[in-house]
Amino acid sequence: MREKVFKLPNSLITNQSNLSPSAIGVAEIFYAFMNKHRKFTGSLKKIAQLSYRCEDTVSQDVSQLEKAGYIKIIRNWRYSQEYARNIYTATTYYVIHPVEKDYTLIPYSWLQHKLTPCTLQVTRICRMFMVKEPNRSYPSLRNIADTARIAKSTVCRAMKDIMHLGILLVKRCEKENGAFACNSYHILKKIKQATTPDLTNRHKQQPIPEHSKIQASPHFSLELSYHTT
């Protein structure tokens, strides 16, 4: 049984609008829970609960997304017979751009983990690179850091959280000569194939090493040979 997923634009994952990692996380909530008309209705408190943030932070993130052109804020009013005037009821967030191409499929289960915004961004990038193989990617730590626009040391700390929670299976790879190769990242549940991301040259996928030694944990290792076509 395939895991339930939603579409997230690659332009958001690669942070082309220079948003904060927290703002990208709030945008992810809108894309995950919007209706078929691309609308999400809810209070800041509700968004804060879904994204594990405080209301003040969510308010700042929503302002960033509106300025960047990702959402339009619509405030709803209704006439009250009791007060004889219009009163505020709720806010609707309209996602401006439809997700028709150049997107990545994100599992809903990832939203249940209380992770830092940077850690969530690292998991999205690992998922985005799963193009040739639907449940495996192998970007370098530097590639992930450049794409997320965060420090490489932050990516390393994020990987520890990802491995601890079992969100992704991270396998450390070595070549036959003992040199380090890019890590291999695997999703533990089957997910549909993602669409090809539109990336710049510096974000190209790293080639799979022809002969790698993969260490799945400190307790065991196995030899694998990869054959590219």
C-alpha atoms as a PDB file:
ATOM      1  CA  MET A   1       0.000   0.000   0.000  1.00  0.00           C
ATOM      2  CA  ARG A   2       1.426   3.330  -1.093  1.00  0.00           C
ATOM      3  CA  GLU A   3       1.740   6.143   1.395  1.00  0.00           C
ATOM      4  CA  LYS A   4      -0.528   9.180   1.031  1.00  0.00           C
ATOM      5  CA  VAL A   5       1.322  12.158  -0.442  1.00  0.00           C
ATOM      6  CA  PHE A   6       0.772  15.736  -1.602  1.00  0.00           C
ATOM      7  CA  LYS A   7       2.455  17.904  -4.247  1.00  0.00           C
ATOM      8  CA  LEU A   8       4.992  20.562  -3.274  1.00  0.00           C
ATOM      9  CA  PRO A   9       6.539  22.850  -5.953  1.00  0.00           C
ATOM     10  CA  ASN A  10      10.255  22.373  -6.502  1.00  0.00           C
ATOM     11  CA  SER A  11      10.640  26.165  -6.692  1.00  0.00           C
ATOM     12  CA  LEU A  12       9.634  26.227  -3.026  1.00  0.00           C
ATOM     13  CA  ILE A  13      11.985  23.389  -2.050  1.00  0.00           C
ATOM     14  CA  THR A  14      14.949  24.997  -3.831  1.00  0.00           C
ATOM     15  CA  ASN A  15      13.970  28.303  -2.191  1.00  0.00           C
ATOM     16  CA  GLN A  16      14.076  30.417  -5.318  1.00  0.00           C
ATOM     17  CA  SER A  17      12.306  33.265  -3.473  1.00  0.00           C
ATOM     18  CA  ASN A  18      14.860  33.276  -0.614  1.00  0.00           C
ATOM     19  CA  LEU A  19      12.306  32.454   2.076  1.00  0.00           C
ATOM     20  CA  SER A  20      13.172  31.393   5.606  1.00  0.00           C
ATOM     21  CA  PRO A  21      13.026  27.618   6.303  1.00  0.00           C
ATOM     22  CA  SER A  22      10.129  28.316   8.678  1.00  0.00           C
ATOM     23  CA  ALA A  23       8.136  30.106   5.948  1.00  0.00           C
ATOM     24  CA  ILE A  24       8.671  27.135   3.605  1.00  0.00           C
ATOM     25  CA  GLY A  25       7.261  24.892   6.328  1.00  0.00           C
ATOM     26  CA  VAL A  26       4.108  27.020   6.614  1.00  0.00           C
ATOM     27  CA  ALA A  27       3.718  26.993   2.822  1.00  0.00           C
ATOM     28  CA  GLU A  28       3.968  23.207   2.991  1.00  0.00           C
ATOM     29  CA  ILE A  29       0.940  23.190   5.326  1.00  0.00           C
ATOM     30  CA  PHE A  30      -1.073  25.201   2.801  1.00  0.00           C
ATOM     31  CA  TYR A  31      -0.185  22.852  -0.065  1.00  0.00           C
ATOM     32  CA  ALA A  32      -0.882  19.779   2.072  1.00  0.00           C
ATOM     33  CA  PHE A  33      -4.307  20.793   3.380  1.00  0.00           C
ATOM     34  CA  MET A  34      -5.734  23.151   0.743  1.00  0.00           C
ATOM     35  CA  ASN A  35      -9.005  22.142  -0.941  1.00  0.00           C
ATOM     36  CA  LYS A  36      -9.559  21.547  -4.660  1.00  0.00           C
ATOM     37  CA  HIS A  37      -9.953  25.304  -5.150  1.00  0.00           C
ATOM     38  CA  ARG A  38      -6.464  25.845  -3.671  1.00  0.00           C
ATOM     39  CA  LYS A  39      -7.875  27.458  -0.517  1.00  0.00           C
ATOM     40  CA  PHE A  40      -7.016  26.852   3.129  1.00  0.00           C
ATOM     41  CA  THR A  41      -9.249  28.350   5.808  1.00  0.00           C
ATOM     42  CA  GLY A  42      -8.040  28.456   9.374  1.00  0.00           C
ATOM     43  CA  SER A  43      -6.677  30.604  12.157  1.00  0.00           C
ATOM     44  CA  LEU A  44      -3.038  31.297  12.917  1.00  0.00           C
ATOM     45  CA  LYS A  45      -3.455  29.022  15.923  1.00  0.00           C
ATOM     46  CA  LYS A  46      -4.495  26.137  13.691  1.00  0.00           C
ATOM     47  CA  ILE A  47      -1.532  26.686  11.348  1.00  0.00           C
ATOM     48  CA  ALA A  48       0.785  26.901  14.361  1.00  0.00           C
ATOM     49  CA  GLN A  49      -0.502  23.562  15.659  1.00  0.00           C
ATOM     50  CA  LEU A  50      -0.048  21.868  12.273  1.00  0.00           C
ATOM     51  CA  SER A  51       3.462  23.258  11.763  1.00  0.00           C
ATOM     52  CA  TYR A  52       4.664  23.064  15.410  1.00  0.00           C
ATOM     53  CA  ARG A  53       5.388  26.795  15.580  1.00  0.00           C
ATOM     54  CA  CYS A  54       4.211  29.679  17.714  1.00  0.00           C
ATOM     55  CA  GLU A  55       1.562  32.057  16.366  1.00  0.00           C
ATOM     56  CA  ASP A  56       3.958  35.015  16.150  1.00  0.00           C
ATOM     57  CA  THR A  57       6.337  33.019  13.955  1.00  0.00           C
ATOM     58  CA  VAL A  58       3.473  31.839  11.740  1.00  0.00           C
ATOM     59  CA  SER A  59       2.278  35.437  11.336  1.00  0.00           C
ATOM     60  CA  GLN A  60       5.738  36.474  10.097  1.00  0.00           C
ATOM     61  CA  ASP A  61       5.933  33.448   7.778  1.00  0.00           C
ATOM     62  CA  VAL A  62       2.522  34.195   6.251  1.00  0.00           C
ATOM     63  CA  SER A  63       3.651  37.766   5.530  1.00  0.00           C
ATOM     64  CA  GLN A  64       6.767  36.418   3.779  1.00  0.00           C
ATOM     65  CA  LEU A  65       4.703  34.084   1.610  1.00  0.00           C
ATOM     66  CA  GLU A  66       2.280  36.866   0.670  1.00  0.00           C
ATOM     67  CA  LYS A  67       5.121  39.221  -0.337  1.00  0.00           C
ATOM     68  CA  ALA A  68       6.764  36.429  -2.349  1.00  0.00           C
ATOM     69  CA  GLY A  69       3.530  35.867  -4.291  1.00  0.00           C
ATOM     70  CA  TYR A  70       2.773  32.342  -3.070  1.00  0.00           C
ATOM     71  CA  ILE A  71      -0.502  33.117  -1.300  1.00  0.00           C
ATOM     72  CA  LYS A  72      -3.273  35.702  -1.173  1.00  0.00           C
ATOM     73  CA  ILE A  73      -4.883  36.445   2.192  1.00  0.00           C
ATOM     74  CA  ILE A  74      -8.672  36.784   2.190  1.00  0.00           C
ATOM     75  CA  ARG A  75     -10.370  37.913   5.410  1.00  0.00           C
ATOM     76  CA  ASN A  76     -13.962  36.708   5.748  1.00  0.00           C
ATOM     77  CA  TRP A  77     -16.733  38.754   7.396  1.00  0.00           C
ATOM     78  CA  ARG A  78     -20.384  38.159   8.138  1.00  0.00           C
ATOM     79  CA  TYR A  79     -23.213  40.364   9.341  1.00  0.00           C
ATOM     80  CA  SER A  80     -24.136  39.845  12.995  1.00  0.00           C
ATOM     81  CA  GLN A  81     -27.731  40.466  14.025  1.00  0.00           C
ATOM     82  CA  GLU A  82     -26.639  40.681  17.644  1.00  0.00           C
ATOM     83  CA  TYR A  83     -24.079  43.439  17.094  1.00  0.00           C
ATOM     84  CA  ALA A  84     -25.806  44.959  14.023  1.00  0.00           C
ATOM     85  CA  ARG A  85     -22.530  45.086  12.109  1.00  0.00           C
ATOM     86  CA  ASN A  86     -20.095  42.952  10.164  1.00  0.00           C
ATOM     87  CA  ILE A  87     -17.805  40.813  12.310  1.00  0.00           C
ATOM     88  CA  TYR A  88     -14.671  38.907  11.404  1.00  0.00           C
ATOM     89  CA  THR A  89     -15.109  35.121  11.077  1.00  0.00           C
ATOM     90  CA  ALA A  90     -12.009  33.503   9.604  1.00  0.00           C
ATOM     91  CA  THR A  91      -9.087  33.961   7.210  1.00  0.00           C
ATOM     92  CA  THR A  92      -8.750  32.101   3.923  1.00  0.00           C
ATOM     93  CA  TYR A  93      -5.323  31.603   2.353  1.00  0.00           C
ATOM     94  CA  TYR A  94      -5.483  31.224  -1.416  1.00  0.00           C
ATOM     95  CA  VAL A  95      -2.542  29.415  -3.038  1.00  0.00           C
ATOM     96  CA  ILE A  96      -1.925  31.463  -6.181  1.00  0.00           C
ATOM     97  CA  HIS A  97       0.032  29.069  -8.385  1.00  0.00           C
ATOM     98  CA  PRO A  98      -1.393  25.616  -9.236  1.00  0.00           C
ATOM     99  CA  VAL A  99       0.909  22.611  -8.902  1.00  0.00           C
ATOM    100  CA  GLU A 100       0.778  21.029 -12.357  1.00  0.00           C
ATOM    101  CA  LYS A 101       4.430  20.282 -13.146  1.00  0.00           C
ATOM    102  CA  ASP A 102       7.905  20.449 -11.617  1.00  0.00           C
ATOM    103  CA  TYR A 103       6.854  19.242  -8.185  1.00  0.00           C
ATOM    104  CA  THR A 104       7.851  16.672  -5.555  1.00  0.00           C
ATOM    105  CA  LEU A 105       5.548  14.239  -3.766  1.00  0.00           C
ATOM    106  CA  ILE A 106       5.853  14.658   0.007  1.00  0.00           C
ATOM    107  CA  PRO A 107       4.429  12.056   2.439  1.00  0.00           C
ATOM    108  CA  TYR A 108       1.808  13.360   4.868  1.00  0.00           C
ATOM    109  CA  SER A 109       3.466  11.308   7.594  1.00  0.00           C
ATOM    110  CA  TRP A 110       6.463  13.656   7.527  1.00  0.00           C
ATOM    111  CA  LEU A 111       4.242  16.445   8.869  1.00  0.00           C
ATOM    112  CA  GLN A 112       3.642  14.458  12.059  1.00  0.00           C
ATOM    113  CA  HIS A 113       7.272  14.771  13.179  1.00  0.00           C
ATOM    114  CA  LYS A 114       8.203  17.751  15.309  1.00  0.00           C
ATOM    115  CA  LEU A 115      11.371  18.711  13.451  1.00  0.00           C
ATOM    116  CA  THR A 116      13.245  21.971  13.077  1.00  0.00           C
ATOM    117  CA  PRO A 117      12.534  23.939   9.855  1.00  0.00           C
ATOM    118  CA  CYS A 118      16.054  23.225   8.554  1.00  0.00           C
ATOM    119  CA  THR A 119      15.712  19.472   9.182  1.00  0.00           C
ATOM    120  CA  LEU A 120      12.397  19.433   7.318  1.00  0.00           C
ATOM    121  CA  GLN A 121      14.024  21.301   4.432  1.00  0.00           C
ATOM    122  CA  VAL A 122      16.808  18.704   4.235  1.00  0.00           C
ATOM    123  CA  THR A 123      14.250  15.851   4.035  1.00  0.00           C
ATOM    124  CA  ARG A 124      12.388  17.653   1.225  1.00  0.00           C
ATOM    125  CA  ILE A 125      15.582  18.081  -0.776  1.00  0.00           C
ATOM    126  CA  CYS A 126      16.541  14.416  -0.361  1.00  0.00           C
ATOM    127  CA  ARG A 127      13.052  13.512  -1.580  1.00  0.00           C
ATOM    128  CA  MET A 128      13.255  15.934  -4.527  1.00  0.00           C
ATOM    129  CA  PHE A 129      16.371  14.224  -5.877  1.00  0.00           C
ATOM    130  CA  MET A 130      14.580  10.846  -5.998  1.00  0.00           C
ATOM    131  CA  VAL A 131      13.944  11.041  -9.742  1.00  0.00           C
ATOM    132  CA  LYS A 132      15.805   8.198 -11.443  1.00  0.00           C
ATOM    133  CA  GLU A 133      14.840   5.886  -8.595  1.00  0.00           C
ATOM    134  CA  PRO A 134      11.506   6.674  -6.872  1.00  0.00           C
ATOM    135  CA  ASN A 135      12.676   5.810  -3.354  1.00  0.00           C
ATOM    136  CA  ARG A 136      16.415   6.522  -3.443  1.00  0.00           C
ATOM    137  CA  SER A 137      18.624   9.575  -3.923  1.00  0.00           C
ATOM    138  CA  TYR A 138      22.308  10.361  -3.460  1.00  0.00           C
ATOM    139  CA  PRO A 139      23.021  14.123  -3.325  1.00  0.00           C
ATOM    140  CA  SER A 140      26.175  15.236  -1.550  1.00  0.00           C
ATOM    141  CA  LEU A 141      25.986  17.094   1.756  1.00  0.00           C
ATOM    142  CA  ARG A 142      27.368  20.188   0.019  1.00  0.00           C
ATOM    143  CA  ASN A 143      24.719  19.926  -2.700  1.00  0.00           C
ATOM    144  CA  ILE A 144      21.973  19.728  -0.066  1.00  0.00           C
ATOM    145  CA  ALA A 145      23.430  22.692   1.827  1.00  0.00           C
ATOM    146  CA  ASP A 146      23.663  24.838  -1.313  1.00  0.00           C
ATOM    147  CA  THR A 147      20.121  23.964  -2.383  1.00  0.00           C
ATOM    148  CA  ALA A 148      18.679  24.687   1.079  1.00  0.00           C
ATOM    149  CA  ARG A 149      20.894  27.764   1.514  1.00  0.00           C
ATOM    150  CA  ILE A 150      22.063  26.598   4.919  1.00  0.00           C
ATOM    151  CA  ALA A 151      25.453  25.613   6.352  1.00  0.00           C
ATOM    152  CA  LYS A 152      26.853  22.132   5.746  1.00  0.00           C
ATOM    153  CA  SER A 153      27.185  21.648   9.526  1.00  0.00           C
ATOM    154  CA  THR A 154      23.433  22.295   9.844  1.00  0.00           C
ATOM    155  CA  VAL A 155      22.789  19.585   7.250  1.00  0.00           C
ATOM    156  CA  CYS A 156      24.929  17.145   9.248  1.00  0.00           C
ATOM    157  CA  ARG A 157      22.926  17.838  12.418  1.00  0.00           C
ATOM    158  CA  ALA A 158      19.690  17.423  10.454  1.00  0.00           C
ATOM    159  CA  MET A 159      20.859  14.027   9.206  1.00  0.00           C
ATOM    160  CA  LYS A 160      21.275  12.812  12.786  1.00  0.00           C
ATOM    161  CA  ASP A 161      17.633  13.672  13.541  1.00  0.00           C
ATOM    162  CA  ILE A 162      16.460  12.071  10.294  1.00  0.00           C
ATOM    163  CA  MET A 163      18.311   8.837  11.055  1.00  0.00           C
ATOM    164  CA  HIS A 164      17.137   8.793  14.687  1.00  0.00           C
ATOM    165  CA  LEU A 165      13.448   9.132  13.756  1.00  0.00           C
ATOM    166  CA  GLY A 166      13.663   6.702  10.842  1.00  0.00           C
ATOM    167  CA  ILE A 167      12.245   9.172   8.318  1.00  0.00           C
ATOM    168  CA  LEU A 168      14.885   8.156   5.794  1.00  0.00           C
ATOM    169  CA  LEU A 169      17.375   5.304   5.762  1.00  0.00           C
ATOM    170  CA  VAL A 170      20.808   6.897   5.375  1.00  0.00           C
ATOM    171  CA  LYS A 171      23.582   4.643   4.084  1.00  0.00           C
ATOM    172  CA  ARG A 172      27.172   5.823   4.161  1.00  0.00           C
ATOM    173  CA  CYS A 173      29.065   4.848   1.019  1.00  0.00           C
ATOM    174  CA  GLU A 174      32.739   4.288   0.299  1.00  0.00           C
ATOM    175  CA  LYS A 175      34.537   3.498  -2.949  1.00  0.00           C
ATOM    176  CA  GLU A 176      36.794   0.456  -3.327  1.00  0.00           C
ATOM    177  CA  ASN A 177      39.878   2.615  -2.741  1.00  0.00           C
ATOM    178  CA  GLY A 178      38.475   3.736   0.619  1.00  0.00           C
ATOM    179  CA  ALA A 179      37.514   7.238  -0.518  1.00  0.00           C
ATOM    180  CA  PHE A 180      34.195   8.577   0.706  1.00  0.00           C
ATOM    181  CA  ALA A 181      31.254   8.756  -1.707  1.00  0.00           C
ATOM    182  CA  CYS A 182      27.910  10.519  -1.440  1.00  0.00           C
ATOM    183  CA  ASN A 183      25.441   9.138   1.081  1.00  0.00           C
ATOM    184  CA  SER A 184      22.516   7.118  -0.215  1.00  0.00           C
ATOM    185  CA  TYR A 185      19.064   8.101   1.086  1.00  0.00           C
ATOM    186  CA  HIS A 186      16.132   5.684   0.997  1.00  0.00           C
ATOM    187  CA  ILE A 187      12.448   6.133   1.832  1.00  0.00           C
ATOM    188  CA  LEU A 188      11.240   3.260   3.985  1.00  0.00           C
ATOM    189  CA  LYS A 189       7.740   3.181   2.427  1.00  0.00           C
ATOM    190  CA  LYS A 190       6.852   3.049  -1.262  1.00  0.00           C
ATOM    191  CA  ILE A 191       5.948   6.365  -2.833  1.00  0.00           C
ATOM    192  CA  LYS A 192       5.072   7.271  -6.411  1.00  0.00           C
ATOM    193  CA  GLN A 193       7.719   8.593  -8.769  1.00  0.00           C
ATOM    194  CA  ALA A 194       8.369  12.326  -8.429  1.00  0.00           C
ATOM    195  CA  THR A 195       8.536  14.676 -11.398  1.00  0.00           C
ATOM    196  CA  THR A 196      11.927  15.786 -12.647  1.00  0.00           C
ATOM    197  CA  PRO A 197      13.083  18.877 -10.749  1.00  0.00           C
ATOM    198  CA  ASP A 198      14.205  21.938 -12.712  1.00  0.00           C
ATOM    199  CA  LEU A 199      17.606  22.597 -11.140  1.00  0.00           C
ATOM    200  CA  THR A 200      20.603  24.700 -12.043  1.00  0.00           C
ATOM    201  CA  ASN A 201      23.918  23.118 -13.008  1.00  0.00           C
ATOM    202  CA  ARG A 202      25.311  23.353  -9.487  1.00  0.00           C
ATOM    203  CA  HIS A 203      22.413  21.255  -8.237  1.00  0.00           C
ATOM    204  CA  LYS A 204      22.923  18.311 -10.598  1.00  0.00           C
ATOM    205  CA  GLN A 205      22.728  14.854  -9.101  1.00  0.00           C
ATOM    206  CA  GLN A 206      25.979  13.216  -8.200  1.00  0.00           C
ATOM    207  CA  PRO A 207      26.794  10.090 -10.253  1.00  0.00           C
ATOM    208  CA  ILE A 208      26.403   6.712  -8.592  1.00  0.00           C
ATOM    209  CA  PRO A 209      29.816   5.219  -7.816  1.00  0.00           C
ATOM    210  CA  GLU A 210      30.414   2.076  -9.885  1.00  0.00           C
ATOM    211  CA  HIS A 211      31.729   0.140  -6.911  1.00  0.00           C
ATOM    212  CA  SER A 212      30.609   1.136  -3.446  1.00  0.00           C
ATOM    213  CA  LYS A 213      30.816  -0.245   0.033  1.00  0.00           C
ATOM    214  CA  ILE A 214      27.621   0.631   1.885  1.00  0.00           C
ATOM    215  CA  GLN A 215      27.524   0.704   5.656  1.00  0.00           C
ATOM    216  CA  ALA A 216      23.917   0.576   6.815  1.00  0.00           C
ATOM    217  CA  SER A 217      24.927   0.777  10.491  1.00  0.00           C
ATOM    218  CA  PRO A 218      28.076   0.489  12.589  1.00  0.00           C
ATOM    219  CA  HIS A 219      27.228  -3.169  13.203  1.00  0.00           C
ATOM    220  CA  PHE A 220      27.340  -4.556   9.673  1.00  0.00           C
ATOM    221  CA  SER A 221      28.347  -3.748   6.101  1.00  0.00           C
ATOM    222  CA  LEU A 222      27.847  -5.271   2.676  1.00  0.00           C
ATOM    223  CA  GLU A 223      29.501  -4.976  -0.700  1.00  0.00           C
ATOM    224  CA  LEU A 224      27.414  -3.775  -3.654  1.00  0.00           C
ATOM    225  CA  SER A 225      28.284  -3.073  -7.267  1.00  0.00           C
ATOM    226  CA  TYR A 226      26.220  -0.529  -9.151  1.00  0.00           C
ATOM    227  CA  HIS A 227      25.920  -0.789 -12.937  1.00  0.00           C
ATOM    228  CA  THR A 228      24.772   2.315 -14.733  1.00  0.00           C
ATOM    229  CA  THR A 229      23.087   2.131 -18.106  1.00  0.00           C
END
